Amino acid sequence: MEAAGLAAGARARFLAYREGGVAVCLLALSQAGGRIEGLTGPYTCIYEPLFAGAVDAAAIGRAGAALGRWLRPYAVIRFDALDAEAAWLGPFLAGLRDGGLRASRFDHFGNWHEPIAGRDWEGYLRVRAGSLRETIRRKTRRNSEVDFRIVTGGDALEGAIAGYEAVYARSWKVSEPFPLFNGRMMRGAADAGALRLGLLESGGQVIAAQIWIVANGSATVVKLAHDEAFKPLSPGTVLTAQMIRHLIDEERVSDLDFGRGDDPYKALWTTARRQRIGVVLANPWRPAGAIAIMRQVAGRLRRRLGR
């Protein structure tokens, strides 16, 4: 994020809270001039402070209060991509309020996922829509027109990254706001042993590519793209099926995560949805903070009246 995912003029800052000289909490932030917010971007699937393993709710609350006092000179602070059900969230927000900030939640994006719960590929496929099962059956059976491979690092990595970038440029996707980010992310994930870069090729040309990150038993698809010129081959569907089959049967992942957003295709591959939220923090004693609070209150009233 710091190297390739921040707007011009922004820099990363890391805030640590300690008790008795022992680290309790680390908060990653982005600062640009007088503006400060969580260190997130358009690629972030989930954001959270880092807590020492043994901290309880009281310590989390004290950390929130201390960080709130430090953040109070800033009129408005925003955190995105938070887990609405996270155990740390309530105590942390309560602490921030004790530190002098007002907190307002908002819905940020939906996160579609599929708990695997010990199923194999056949068990997973059995509960998919019949139309999807039929497409997978027809397009993957004895298909000599395409080749599938997964790159995790090593000598093949740079060529695979170039293949991903090329197919992304030919896809329907809009241009990346931070064009260097994905390459750096893939190299870092490869160094950590977490990268699964799936490639579907025809005639030696990459026609579909997907970036998956595998960690802690979960496989998250971060970015995907395919070349519409090869639409008769259903490259997106074929590559997704091949990747999921590998992740379930070979890597035994416990959860498939389709990242940010409520794109309609995700409901074909997953059945569960989690809400990711954002939080706006405001200092009510600063004019911009008071205005932000009033806007949040007005927005909630409009939504209630609309219902």
C-alpha atoms as a PDB file:
ATOM      1  CA  MET A   1       0.000   0.000   0.000  1.00  0.00           C
ATOM      2  CA  GLU A   2       2.718   2.471   0.944  1.00  0.00           C
ATOM      3  CA  ALA A   3       4.785   1.764  -2.164  1.00  0.00           C
ATOM      4  CA  ALA A   4       2.041   1.674  -4.804  1.00  0.00           C
ATOM      5  CA  GLY A   5      -1.460   2.120  -3.340  1.00  0.00           C
ATOM      6  CA  LEU A   6      -1.578   5.659  -1.918  1.00  0.00           C
ATOM      7  CA  ALA A   7      -2.658   8.917  -3.532  1.00  0.00           C
ATOM      8  CA  ALA A   8      -0.012  11.474  -4.373  1.00  0.00           C
ATOM      9  CA  GLY A   9       1.292  13.194  -1.244  1.00  0.00           C
ATOM     10  CA  ALA A  10      -0.012  10.532   1.160  1.00  0.00           C
ATOM     11  CA  ARG A  11       2.214   8.474   3.428  1.00  0.00           C
ATOM     12  CA  ALA A  12       1.715   5.580   5.783  1.00  0.00           C
ATOM     13  CA  ARG A  13       1.795   6.124   9.531  1.00  0.00           C
ATOM     14  CA  PHE A  14       1.701   3.469  12.234  1.00  0.00           C
ATOM     15  CA  LEU A  15       0.294   4.248  15.652  1.00  0.00           C
ATOM     16  CA  ALA A  16       1.263   1.965  18.543  1.00  0.00           C
ATOM     17  CA  TYR A  17      -0.406   1.796  21.973  1.00  0.00           C
ATOM     18  CA  ARG A  18       1.536   0.252  24.860  1.00  0.00           C
ATOM     19  CA  GLU A  19       0.780  -0.568  28.468  1.00  0.00           C
ATOM     20  CA  GLY A  20       3.714  -0.921  30.804  1.00  0.00           C
ATOM     21  CA  GLY A  21       6.043  -0.839  27.822  1.00  0.00           C
ATOM     22  CA  VAL A  22       4.279  -3.818  26.216  1.00  0.00           C
ATOM     23  CA  ALA A  23       2.638  -3.349  22.793  1.00  0.00           C
ATOM     24  CA  VAL A  24      -1.147  -3.797  22.870  1.00  0.00           C
ATOM     25  CA  CYS A  25      -2.346  -2.368  19.569  1.00  0.00           C
ATOM     26  CA  LEU A  26      -0.950  -1.200  16.228  1.00  0.00           C
ATOM     27  CA  LEU A  27      -3.060   0.936  13.900  1.00  0.00           C
ATOM     28  CA  ALA A  28      -2.053   1.450  10.247  1.00  0.00           C
ATOM     29  CA  LEU A  29      -3.028   4.865   8.889  1.00  0.00           C
ATOM     30  CA  SER A  30      -2.664   6.983   5.772  1.00  0.00           C
ATOM     31  CA  GLN A  31      -1.974  10.710   6.118  1.00  0.00           C
ATOM     32  CA  ALA A  32      -2.088  13.400   3.442  1.00  0.00           C
ATOM     33  CA  GLY A  33      -1.679  16.923   4.786  1.00  0.00           C
ATOM     34  CA  GLY A  34      -4.347  17.486   7.415  1.00  0.00           C
ATOM     35  CA  ARG A  35      -6.345  14.385   6.443  1.00  0.00           C
ATOM     36  CA  ILE A  36      -5.881  10.995   8.098  1.00  0.00           C
ATOM     37  CA  GLU A  37      -7.699   7.684   7.613  1.00  0.00           C
ATOM     38  CA  GLY A  38      -7.209   3.945   7.752  1.00  0.00           C
ATOM     39  CA  LEU A  39      -4.523   2.483   5.479  1.00  0.00           C
ATOM     40  CA  THR A  40      -6.941   1.035   2.936  1.00  0.00           C
ATOM     41  CA  GLY A  41      -7.591   1.343  -0.779  1.00  0.00           C
ATOM     42  CA  PRO A  42      -9.793  -0.016  -3.562  1.00  0.00           C
ATOM     43  CA  TYR A  43      -8.147  -3.457  -3.200  1.00  0.00           C
ATOM     44  CA  THR A  44      -8.617  -3.862   0.567  1.00  0.00           C
ATOM     45  CA  CYS A  45     -10.955  -6.749   1.467  1.00  0.00           C
ATOM     46  CA  ILE A  46     -10.763  -6.332   5.240  1.00  0.00           C
ATOM     47  CA  TYR A  47      -9.076  -3.895   7.607  1.00  0.00           C
ATOM     48  CA  GLU A  48      -8.542  -4.097  11.339  1.00  0.00           C
ATOM     49  CA  PRO A  49      -6.123  -2.914  14.026  1.00  0.00           C
ATOM     50  CA  LEU A  50      -3.533  -5.469  15.092  1.00  0.00           C
ATOM     51  CA  PHE A  51      -3.917  -6.522  18.726  1.00  0.00           C
ATOM     52  CA  ALA A  52      -1.574  -8.547  20.885  1.00  0.00           C
ATOM     53  CA  GLY A  53      -2.920 -12.084  21.159  1.00  0.00           C
ATOM     54  CA  ALA A  54      -3.920 -12.031  24.827  1.00  0.00           C
ATOM     55  CA  VAL A  55      -5.720  -8.654  25.042  1.00  0.00           C
ATOM     56  CA  ASP A  56      -9.234  -8.537  26.467  1.00  0.00           C
ATOM     57  CA  ALA A  57     -12.121  -6.147  25.753  1.00  0.00           C
ATOM     58  CA  ALA A  58     -11.020  -3.760  28.511  1.00  0.00           C
ATOM     59  CA  ALA A  59      -7.522  -3.422  27.010  1.00  0.00           C
ATOM     60  CA  ILE A  60      -9.028  -2.930  23.539  1.00  0.00           C
ATOM     61  CA  GLY A  61     -11.207  -0.155  24.965  1.00  0.00           C
ATOM     62  CA  ARG A  62      -8.216   1.550  26.604  1.00  0.00           C
ATOM     63  CA  ALA A  63      -6.314   1.332  23.326  1.00  0.00           C
ATOM     64  CA  GLY A  64      -9.262   2.912  21.509  1.00  0.00           C
ATOM     65  CA  ALA A  65      -9.434   5.735  24.043  1.00  0.00           C
ATOM     66  CA  ALA A  66      -5.712   6.471  23.753  1.00  0.00           C
ATOM     67  CA  LEU A  67      -5.818   6.413  19.980  1.00  0.00           C
ATOM     68  CA  GLY A  68      -8.948   8.573  20.038  1.00  0.00           C
ATOM     69  CA  ARG A  69      -7.146  11.229  22.066  1.00  0.00           C
ATOM     70  CA  TRP A  70      -4.255  11.158  19.594  1.00  0.00           C
ATOM     71  CA  LEU A  71      -6.637  11.449  16.612  1.00  0.00           C
ATOM     72  CA  ARG A  72      -8.751  14.227  18.173  1.00  0.00           C
ATOM     73  CA  PRO A  73      -6.867  17.103  16.449  1.00  0.00           C
ATOM     74  CA  TYR A  74      -8.215  15.753  13.144  1.00  0.00           C
ATOM     75  CA  ALA A  75     -11.802  16.812  12.533  1.00  0.00           C
ATOM     76  CA  VAL A  76     -12.859  13.711  10.572  1.00  0.00           C
ATOM     77  CA  ILE A  77     -11.282  10.252  10.306  1.00  0.00           C
ATOM     78  CA  ARG A  78     -12.594   7.380   8.191  1.00  0.00           C
ATOM     79  CA  PHE A  79     -12.038   3.624   8.449  1.00  0.00           C
ATOM     80  CA  ASP A  80     -13.197   1.321   5.635  1.00  0.00           C
ATOM     81  CA  ALA A  81     -13.580  -2.425   4.997  1.00  0.00           C
ATOM     82  CA  LEU A  82     -14.355  -3.389   8.607  1.00  0.00           C
ATOM     83  CA  ASP A  83     -15.948  -6.672   9.686  1.00  0.00           C
ATOM     84  CA  ALA A  84     -19.322  -5.673  11.135  1.00  0.00           C
ATOM     85  CA  GLU A  85     -19.309  -8.741  13.417  1.00  0.00           C
ATOM     86  CA  ALA A  86     -15.700  -8.485  14.668  1.00  0.00           C
ATOM     87  CA  ALA A  87     -15.381  -9.004  18.428  1.00  0.00           C
ATOM     88  CA  TRP A  88     -12.914  -6.110  18.758  1.00  0.00           C
ATOM     89  CA  LEU A  89     -15.118  -3.530  17.007  1.00  0.00           C
ATOM     90  CA  GLY A  90     -17.550  -2.683  19.828  1.00  0.00           C
ATOM     91  CA  PRO A  91     -14.928  -2.186  22.578  1.00  0.00           C
ATOM     92  CA  PHE A  92     -12.651  -0.285  20.207  1.00  0.00           C
ATOM     93  CA  LEU A  93     -15.386   2.138  19.081  1.00  0.00           C
ATOM     94  CA  ALA A  94     -16.448   2.625  22.707  1.00  0.00           C
ATOM     95  CA  GLY A  95     -12.856   3.519  23.531  1.00  0.00           C
ATOM     96  CA  LEU A  96     -12.666   5.982  20.657  1.00  0.00           C
ATOM     97  CA  ARG A  97     -15.812   7.665  22.015  1.00  0.00           C
ATOM     98  CA  ASP A  98     -14.177   7.847  25.443  1.00  0.00           C
ATOM     99  CA  GLY A  99     -11.249   9.521  23.678  1.00  0.00           C
ATOM    100  CA  GLY A 100     -13.525  12.327  22.469  1.00  0.00           C
ATOM    101  CA  LEU A 101     -14.676  11.157  19.025  1.00  0.00           C
ATOM    102  CA  ARG A 102     -18.168  10.452  17.735  1.00  0.00           C
ATOM    103  CA  ALA A 103     -18.501   7.293  15.624  1.00  0.00           C
ATOM    104  CA  SER A 104     -21.059   6.657  12.870  1.00  0.00           C
ATOM    105  CA  ARG A 105     -21.259   3.382  10.927  1.00  0.00           C
ATOM    106  CA  PHE A 106     -22.194   2.984   7.276  1.00  0.00           C
ATOM    107  CA  ASP A 107     -22.514   0.006   4.936  1.00  0.00           C
ATOM    108  CA  HIS A 108     -19.419  -0.231   2.743  1.00  0.00           C
ATOM    109  CA  PHE A 109     -19.639  -3.385   0.600  1.00  0.00           C
ATOM    110  CA  GLY A 110     -20.915  -6.943   0.583  1.00  0.00           C
ATOM    111  CA  ASN A 111     -18.496  -9.854   0.845  1.00  0.00           C
ATOM    112  CA  TRP A 112     -19.684 -13.128  -0.739  1.00  0.00           C
ATOM    113  CA  HIS A 113     -18.093 -16.347   0.451  1.00  0.00           C
ATOM    114  CA  GLU A 114     -18.644 -20.100   0.654  1.00  0.00           C
ATOM    115  CA  PRO A 115     -17.774 -22.191   3.729  1.00  0.00           C
ATOM    116  CA  ILE A 116     -16.437 -25.489   2.419  1.00  0.00           C
ATOM    117  CA  ALA A 117     -16.921 -27.489   5.635  1.00  0.00           C
ATOM    118  CA  GLY A 118     -15.028 -30.574   4.474  1.00  0.00           C
ATOM    119  CA  ARG A 119     -16.705 -30.868   1.069  1.00  0.00           C
ATOM    120  CA  ASP A 120     -14.781 -31.964  -2.003  1.00  0.00           C
ATOM    121  CA  TRP A 121     -15.146 -30.423  -5.464  1.00  0.00           C
ATOM    122  CA  GLU A 122     -18.031 -32.702  -6.407  1.00  0.00           C
ATOM    123  CA  GLY A 123     -19.878 -31.830  -3.211  1.00  0.00           C
ATOM    124  CA  TYR A 124     -19.317 -28.129  -3.815  1.00  0.00           C
ATOM    125  CA  LEU A 125     -20.448 -28.379  -7.450  1.00  0.00           C
ATOM    126  CA  ARG A 126     -23.544 -30.371  -6.562  1.00  0.00           C
ATOM    127  CA  VAL A 127     -25.220 -27.350  -4.910  1.00  0.00           C
ATOM    128  CA  ARG A 128     -24.451 -24.870  -7.701  1.00  0.00           C
ATOM    129  CA  ALA A 129     -27.100 -23.792 -10.202  1.00  0.00           C
ATOM    130  CA  GLY A 130     -27.798 -26.315 -12.938  1.00  0.00           C
ATOM    131  CA  SER A 131     -26.893 -23.831 -15.690  1.00  0.00           C
ATOM    132  CA  LEU A 132     -23.464 -23.263 -14.155  1.00  0.00           C
ATOM    133  CA  ARG A 133     -22.848 -26.994 -13.715  1.00  0.00           C
ATOM    134  CA  GLU A 134     -23.728 -27.577 -17.355  1.00  0.00           C
ATOM    135  CA  THR A 135     -21.424 -24.772 -18.571  1.00  0.00           C
ATOM    136  CA  ILE A 136     -18.551 -26.187 -16.518  1.00  0.00           C
ATOM    137  CA  ARG A 137     -19.229 -29.709 -17.778  1.00  0.00           C
ATOM    138  CA  ARG A 138     -19.315 -28.679 -21.446  1.00  0.00           C
ATOM    139  CA  LYS A 139     -16.433 -26.233 -21.401  1.00  0.00           C
ATOM    140  CA  THR A 140     -13.952 -28.227 -19.326  1.00  0.00           C
ATOM    141  CA  ARG A 141     -14.507 -31.713 -20.785  1.00  0.00           C
ATOM    142  CA  ARG A 142     -11.728 -32.688 -23.170  1.00  0.00           C
ATOM    143  CA  ASN A 143     -11.031 -29.044 -24.019  1.00  0.00           C
ATOM    144  CA  SER A 144      -7.756 -29.092 -25.943  1.00  0.00           C
ATOM    145  CA  GLU A 145      -8.065 -25.409 -26.868  1.00  0.00           C
ATOM    146  CA  VAL A 146      -6.993 -24.119 -23.460  1.00  0.00           C
ATOM    147  CA  ASP A 147      -4.283 -24.805 -20.901  1.00  0.00           C
ATOM    148  CA  PHE A 148      -4.552 -24.095 -17.188  1.00  0.00           C
ATOM    149  CA  ARG A 149      -1.727 -23.413 -14.773  1.00  0.00           C
ATOM    150  CA  ILE A 150      -1.132 -21.844 -11.373  1.00  0.00           C
ATOM    151  CA  VAL A 151       1.940 -19.749 -10.612  1.00  0.00           C
ATOM    152  CA  THR A 152       2.983 -19.282  -6.986  1.00  0.00           C
ATOM    153  CA  GLY A 153       6.419 -17.708  -7.469  1.00  0.00           C
ATOM    154  CA  GLY A 154       9.862 -18.614  -8.747  1.00  0.00           C
ATOM    155  CA  ASP A 155      11.218 -18.045 -12.223  1.00  0.00           C
ATOM    156  CA  ALA A 156       7.762 -18.118 -13.816  1.00  0.00           C
ATOM    157  CA  LEU A 157       6.422 -15.245 -11.723  1.00  0.00           C
ATOM    158  CA  GLU A 158       7.449 -12.222 -13.802  1.00  0.00           C
ATOM    159  CA  GLY A 159       6.143 -13.754 -17.023  1.00  0.00           C
ATOM    160  CA  ALA A 160       2.876 -14.659 -15.289  1.00  0.00           C
ATOM    161  CA  ILE A 161       2.481 -11.111 -13.946  1.00  0.00           C
ATOM    162  CA  ALA A 162       3.048  -9.763 -17.459  1.00  0.00           C
ATOM    163  CA  GLY A 163       0.391 -12.180 -18.739  1.00  0.00           C
ATOM    164  CA  TYR A 164      -2.059 -10.978 -16.109  1.00  0.00           C
ATOM    165  CA  GLU A 165      -1.418  -7.325 -16.962  1.00  0.00           C
ATOM    166  CA  ALA A 166      -1.858  -8.024 -20.678  1.00  0.00           C
ATOM    167  CA  VAL A 167      -5.199  -9.796 -20.334  1.00  0.00           C
ATOM    168  CA  TYR A 168      -6.428  -7.147 -17.889  1.00  0.00           C
ATOM    169  CA  ALA A 169      -5.639  -4.456 -20.475  1.00  0.00           C
ATOM    170  CA  ARG A 170      -7.718  -6.367 -23.077  1.00  0.00           C
ATOM    171  CA  SER A 171     -10.634  -7.038 -20.717  1.00  0.00           C
ATOM    172  CA  TRP A 172     -13.762  -5.029 -19.984  1.00  0.00           C
ATOM    173  CA  LYS A 173     -12.231  -3.738 -16.741  1.00  0.00           C
ATOM    174  CA  VAL A 174     -11.644  -0.032 -16.181  1.00  0.00           C
ATOM    175  CA  SER A 175      -8.057   1.184 -15.848  1.00  0.00           C
ATOM    176  CA  GLU A 176      -6.454   0.643 -12.456  1.00  0.00           C
ATOM    177  CA  PRO A 177      -6.245   3.736 -10.222  1.00  0.00           C
ATOM    178  CA  PHE A 178      -2.882   2.458  -8.949  1.00  0.00           C
ATOM    179  CA  PRO A 179      -1.374   0.554 -11.900  1.00  0.00           C
ATOM    180  CA  LEU A 180       1.735  -0.638 -10.033  1.00  0.00           C
ATOM    181  CA  PHE A 181      -0.149  -2.088  -7.077  1.00  0.00           C
ATOM    182  CA  ASN A 182      -1.124  -5.521  -8.386  1.00  0.00           C
ATOM    183  CA  GLY A 183       2.376  -6.446  -9.492  1.00  0.00           C
ATOM    184  CA  ARG A 184       3.841  -5.466  -6.123  1.00  0.00           C
ATOM    185  CA  MET A 185       1.055  -7.298  -4.311  1.00  0.00           C
ATOM    186  CA  MET A 186       1.691 -10.490  -6.291  1.00  0.00           C
ATOM    187  CA  ARG A 187       5.437 -10.360  -5.639  1.00  0.00           C
ATOM    188  CA  GLY A 188       4.866  -9.801  -1.920  1.00  0.00           C
ATOM    189  CA  ALA A 189       2.272 -12.580  -1.742  1.00  0.00           C
ATOM    190  CA  ALA A 190       4.635 -14.931  -3.584  1.00  0.00           C
ATOM    191  CA  ASP A 191       7.400 -14.160  -1.060  1.00  0.00           C
ATOM    192  CA  ALA A 192       4.940 -15.027   1.733  1.00  0.00           C
ATOM    193  CA  GLY A 193       3.865 -18.283   0.031  1.00  0.00           C
ATOM    194  CA  ALA A 194       0.299 -16.975  -0.335  1.00  0.00           C
ATOM    195  CA  LEU A 195       0.004 -16.284  -4.075  1.00  0.00           C
ATOM    196  CA  ARG A 196      -2.070 -18.449  -6.404  1.00  0.00           C
ATOM    197  CA  LEU A 197      -2.050 -16.724  -9.797  1.00  0.00           C
ATOM    198  CA  GLY A 198      -4.324 -18.722 -12.090  1.00  0.00           C
ATOM    199  CA  LEU A 199      -3.827 -18.454 -15.850  1.00  0.00           C
ATOM    200  CA  LEU A 200      -5.894 -19.844 -18.714  1.00  0.00           C
ATOM    201  CA  GLU A 201      -4.056 -19.846 -22.042  1.00  0.00           C
ATOM    202  CA  SER A 202      -4.976 -20.511 -25.658  1.00  0.00           C
ATOM    203  CA  GLY A 203      -2.281 -20.780 -28.284  1.00  0.00           C
ATOM    204  CA  GLY A 204       0.299 -19.562 -25.785  1.00  0.00           C
ATOM    205  CA  GLN A 205      -1.697 -16.377 -25.041  1.00  0.00           C
ATOM    206  CA  VAL A 206      -3.237 -15.668 -21.633  1.00  0.00           C
ATOM    207  CA  ILE A 207      -7.014 -15.316 -22.112  1.00  0.00           C
ATOM    208  CA  ALA A 208      -8.059 -15.234 -18.441  1.00  0.00           C
ATOM    209  CA  ALA A 209      -6.245 -14.568 -15.177  1.00  0.00           C
ATOM    210  CA  GLN A 210      -7.171 -14.539 -11.493  1.00  0.00           C
ATOM    211  CA  ILE A 211      -5.205 -13.457  -8.434  1.00  0.00           C
ATOM    212  CA  TRP A 212      -6.026 -15.567  -5.366  1.00  0.00           C
ATOM    213  CA  ILE A 213      -4.474 -15.190  -1.916  1.00  0.00           C
ATOM    214  CA  VAL A 214      -4.428 -18.278   0.325  1.00  0.00           C
ATOM    215  CA  ALA A 215      -3.863 -17.726   4.046  1.00  0.00           C
ATOM    216  CA  ASN A 216      -5.184 -19.179   7.305  1.00  0.00           C
ATOM    217  CA  GLY A 217      -7.258 -21.746   5.457  1.00  0.00           C
ATOM    218  CA  SER A 218      -9.130 -19.158   3.380  1.00  0.00           C
ATOM    219  CA  ALA A 219      -8.740 -18.490  -0.357  1.00  0.00           C
ATOM    220  CA  THR A 220      -9.628 -14.968  -1.512  1.00  0.00           C
ATOM    221  CA  VAL A 221      -9.927 -13.937  -5.146  1.00  0.00           C
ATOM    222  CA  VAL A 222      -8.618 -10.386  -5.275  1.00  0.00           C
ATOM    223  CA  LYS A 223      -8.687  -9.596  -8.997  1.00  0.00           C
ATOM    224  CA  LEU A 224      -9.902 -11.375 -12.130  1.00  0.00           C
ATOM    225  CA  ALA A 225     -10.146 -10.602 -15.827  1.00  0.00           C
ATOM    226  CA  HIS A 226     -10.661 -12.348 -19.139  1.00  0.00           C
ATOM    227  CA  ASP A 227     -10.447 -11.511 -22.838  1.00  0.00           C
ATOM    228  CA  GLU A 228     -13.924 -11.028 -24.335  1.00  0.00           C
ATOM    229  CA  ALA A 229     -12.557 -12.052 -27.759  1.00  0.00           C
ATOM    230  CA  PHE A 230     -12.534 -15.646 -26.449  1.00  0.00           C
ATOM    231  CA  LYS A 231     -16.079 -15.546 -25.079  1.00  0.00           C
ATOM    232  CA  PRO A 232     -17.160 -18.802 -26.858  1.00  0.00           C
ATOM    233  CA  LEU A 233     -14.659 -20.647 -24.646  1.00  0.00           C
ATOM    234  CA  SER A 234     -16.227 -19.166 -21.454  1.00  0.00           C
ATOM    235  CA  PRO A 235     -12.724 -18.389 -20.145  1.00  0.00           C
ATOM    236  CA  GLY A 236     -13.860 -16.689 -16.934  1.00  0.00           C
ATOM    237  CA  THR A 237     -16.120 -19.564 -15.919  1.00  0.00           C
ATOM    238  CA  VAL A 238     -13.592 -22.229 -16.882  1.00  0.00           C
ATOM    239  CA  LEU A 239     -10.751 -20.579 -14.969  1.00  0.00           C
ATOM    240  CA  THR A 240     -12.902 -20.000 -11.872  1.00  0.00           C
ATOM    241  CA  ALA A 241     -13.939 -23.661 -11.894  1.00  0.00           C
ATOM    242  CA  GLN A 242     -10.358 -24.878 -12.322  1.00  0.00           C
ATOM    243  CA  MET A 243      -9.094 -22.617  -9.528  1.00  0.00           C
ATOM    244  CA  ILE A 244     -11.831 -23.615  -7.086  1.00  0.00           C
ATOM    245  CA  ARG A 245     -11.383 -27.304  -7.851  1.00  0.00           C
ATOM    246  CA  HIS A 246      -7.651 -27.005  -7.111  1.00  0.00           C
ATOM    247  CA  LEU A 247      -8.189 -24.966  -3.944  1.00  0.00           C
ATOM    248  CA  ILE A 248     -10.769 -27.409  -2.555  1.00  0.00           C
ATOM    249  CA  ASP A 249      -9.299 -30.762  -3.565  1.00  0.00           C
ATOM    250  CA  GLU A 250      -5.566 -29.999  -3.478  1.00  0.00           C
ATOM    251  CA  GLU A 251      -5.201 -27.271  -0.849  1.00  0.00           C
ATOM    252  CA  ARG A 252      -8.202 -28.190   1.318  1.00  0.00           C
ATOM    253  CA  VAL A 253      -9.212 -24.596   2.007  1.00  0.00           C
ATOM    254  CA  SER A 254     -12.026 -24.063   4.491  1.00  0.00           C
ATOM    255  CA  ASP A 255     -13.549 -20.938   2.926  1.00  0.00           C
ATOM    256  CA  LEU A 256     -13.772 -19.380  -0.546  1.00  0.00           C
ATOM    257  CA  ASP A 257     -13.887 -15.580  -0.397  1.00  0.00           C
ATOM    258  CA  PHE A 258     -14.939 -13.473  -3.395  1.00  0.00           C
ATOM    259  CA  GLY A 259     -13.674 -10.179  -1.998  1.00  0.00           C
ATOM    260  CA  ARG A 260     -15.299  -6.805  -2.436  1.00  0.00           C
ATOM    261  CA  GLY A 261     -18.735  -6.106  -3.850  1.00  0.00           C
ATOM    262  CA  ASP A 262     -22.089  -7.563  -4.791  1.00  0.00           C
ATOM    263  CA  ASP A 263     -21.369  -8.425  -8.431  1.00  0.00           C
ATOM    264  CA  PRO A 264     -24.199 -10.724  -9.596  1.00  0.00           C
ATOM    265  CA  TYR A 265     -21.872 -13.542 -10.755  1.00  0.00           C
ATOM    266  CA  LYS A 266     -20.645 -14.095  -7.194  1.00  0.00           C
ATOM    267  CA  ALA A 267     -23.989 -15.560  -6.156  1.00  0.00           C
ATOM    268  CA  LEU A 268     -23.404 -18.349  -8.687  1.00  0.00           C
ATOM    269  CA  TRP A 269     -20.264 -19.507  -6.891  1.00  0.00           C
ATOM    270  CA  THR A 270     -21.125 -18.700  -3.262  1.00  0.00           C
ATOM    271  CA  THR A 271     -24.144 -18.765  -0.974  1.00  0.00           C
ATOM    272  CA  ALA A 272     -23.208 -16.607   2.042  1.00  0.00           C
ATOM    273  CA  ARG A 273     -22.883 -12.832   2.281  1.00  0.00           C
ATOM    274  CA  ARG A 274     -21.150 -10.760   4.963  1.00  0.00           C
ATOM    275  CA  GLN A 275     -21.526  -7.022   5.354  1.00  0.00           C
ATOM    276  CA  ARG A 276     -18.383  -4.946   5.480  1.00  0.00           C
ATOM    277  CA  ILE A 277     -18.847  -1.527   7.018  1.00  0.00           C
ATOM    278  CA  GLY A 278     -17.073   1.775   7.354  1.00  0.00           C
ATOM    279  CA  VAL A 279     -16.872   4.115  10.317  1.00  0.00           C
ATOM    280  CA  VAL A 280     -16.665   7.894  10.238  1.00  0.00           C
ATOM    281  CA  LEU A 281     -15.075   9.368  13.367  1.00  0.00           C
ATOM    282  CA  ALA A 282     -15.597  13.055  14.049  1.00  0.00           C
ATOM    283  CA  ASN A 283     -14.483  15.535  16.697  1.00  0.00           C
ATOM    284  CA  PRO A 284     -17.689  17.427  17.578  1.00  0.00           C
ATOM    285  CA  TRP A 285     -15.675  20.413  18.868  1.00  0.00           C
ATOM    286  CA  ARG A 286     -14.184  21.175  15.467  1.00  0.00           C
ATOM    287  CA  PRO A 287     -16.389  22.825  12.803  1.00  0.00           C
ATOM    288  CA  ALA A 288     -15.691  20.222  10.119  1.00  0.00           C
ATOM    289  CA  GLY A 289     -16.309  17.461  12.654  1.00  0.00           C
ATOM    290  CA  ALA A 290     -19.640  18.958  13.734  1.00  0.00           C
ATOM    291  CA  ILE A 291     -20.704  19.253  10.078  1.00  0.00           C
ATOM    292  CA  ALA A 292     -19.759  15.615   9.444  1.00  0.00           C
ATOM    293  CA  ILE A 293     -21.872  14.517  12.436  1.00  0.00           C
ATOM    294  CA  MET A 294     -24.864  16.520  11.210  1.00  0.00           C
ATOM    295  CA  ARG A 295     -24.531  14.975   7.746  1.00  0.00           C
ATOM    296  CA  GLN A 296     -24.494  11.471   9.228  1.00  0.00           C
ATOM    297  CA  VAL A 297     -27.591  12.220  11.329  1.00  0.00           C
ATOM    298  CA  ALA A 298     -29.389  13.739   8.336  1.00  0.00           C
ATOM    299  CA  GLY A 299     -28.512  10.722   6.198  1.00  0.00           C
ATOM    300  CA  ARG A 300     -29.941   8.306   8.775  1.00  0.00           C
ATOM    301  CA  LEU A 301     -33.160  10.352   9.004  1.00  0.00           C
ATOM    302  CA  ARG A 302     -33.566  10.352   5.212  1.00  0.00           C
ATOM    303  CA  ARG A 303     -33.136   6.576   5.072  1.00  0.00           C
ATOM    304  CA  ARG A 304     -35.710   6.070   7.839  1.00  0.00           C
ATOM    305  CA  LEU A 305     -38.201   8.369   6.150  1.00  0.00           C
ATOM    306  CA  GLY A 306     -37.601   6.573   2.852  1.00  0.00           C
ATOM    307  CA  ARG A 307     -38.441   3.222   4.467  1.00  0.00           C
END
